[in-house]
Amino acid sequence: MTHKQSEYMHWAKTQSRARFNLATSGVGAFPLAALGGLPPLEINGDNSYGYAPLQRAISQRHAVDADCVVTAAGTSGANYLAFATLLDAGDEVLIEHPTYGLLVDALEYVGAAVKRFARTPEGGYAVDPEAVRRAISPATKLIVLTNLHNPSSVLTPDSVLRQVGEIARSVGARVLVDEVYLDAVYENTPRTSFHLGAEFVVTSSLTKVYGVSGLRCGWILAEAALARDMWRMNDLFAATPVHPGELLSVAVFGQLDAVRERFRRIVEADRKVLAEFLDRTRAVSAVPTNWGTTAFLRLARGEADEFLAKLRVERDTSAVPGRFFGAPECFRVGMGVNHEMFAEGLHRIAEAL
């Protein structure tokens, strides 16, 4: 029997650390003490099919019915639960390229037949509805997107998402949008694409933009009947969540805007020095974006693996190899952890280039 594994997650856990760690995917850790008075914690609670205060907090944040909210262990857990519910082995799934490797890993694990459509650097990594239309078939059951795009942080507007929804609807497919980075659009934050039509399913969490990854507060937004199916599917995986994590997640939701602003200053400072770095460095390029905690840098020549290996050994600096996104000539850097570290990491990358 062949056991499916995530090469990216293994790399992230065993090889990404460095003194100047630009291999991060989200903002720095939010300290528990900064919540102020903590809620009374209990080991167990009434959470058989969702903890009502947490579902209510998520539903109010996104202006959806609480019956449409399914909680899960982070966005990765939400994605896997959604895939397992929506797909049978052999079902055709259309997913963007490049994309976050763990999405493809999870799809392949549930037995999906994965097809790709391109988001090209020449096209600014934008979603091209015509590329989706050319790739889709009557057998397609699901289209998978990230918004903001992981790894480039490009924002897909509602007008394009509506077109993708119409294409999906024409063959009876659904659209899953991973929105874990969407709240890193700090001004005029778009509302969730769940509101664009019945074919949309959305996954997200507090892990990337809010610095509380350890709470594993993730969720799925789906039509109520489908949400019930997902809760029943989750009986196979998680049964009931860790209740103290639910209580703390509700407390974070009570201060969500303040928590986001805490890290916004760091992200924006990092983005400014990144823009300056790209302006003066010809050996790499990137699609400019206004938002997000990640950027996808493309080497003018060669592949990134050898360059990054030397960078880590010789300059104690790390970034994520683009091969984990299907683009070996690229690498991803993360913003929002520590500005001085990020700036020095870019300086060391410039020296190495």
Foldseek 3Di string as FASTA:
>chain_A
DDDQDQPQVVCVVPPQAFPLGQADAFAAADDPCVLPDADDFDFDDPQQFHDVLLLVLVCVVQVHDSLQKGKAQFLLRALLLLLLLQDAAAQEEEEEFQAQLSSVSSNVVRRYDYDYFYQDVVNLSEDDLVSVLVGDDLRHAEYEQEACGPPARNHHDLVSVLSNQVSQVVSNHAYEYEDAFQPQPPPPRDRDCVVSDQRYKYKYACPHQQNHSVLSTIIMGHPSVSSVSSSVSCCVPPSGDRRSSSSVSSSCSVVVNVSNVVQSVFQVLLLVLVVVLQVPDPQWHWSDDDGGFKRKIFGPDDFCPVLQVCLCVVVRYHWAACVSSPHRRITMGGTRYDNVSSNVNSVSSRVSD
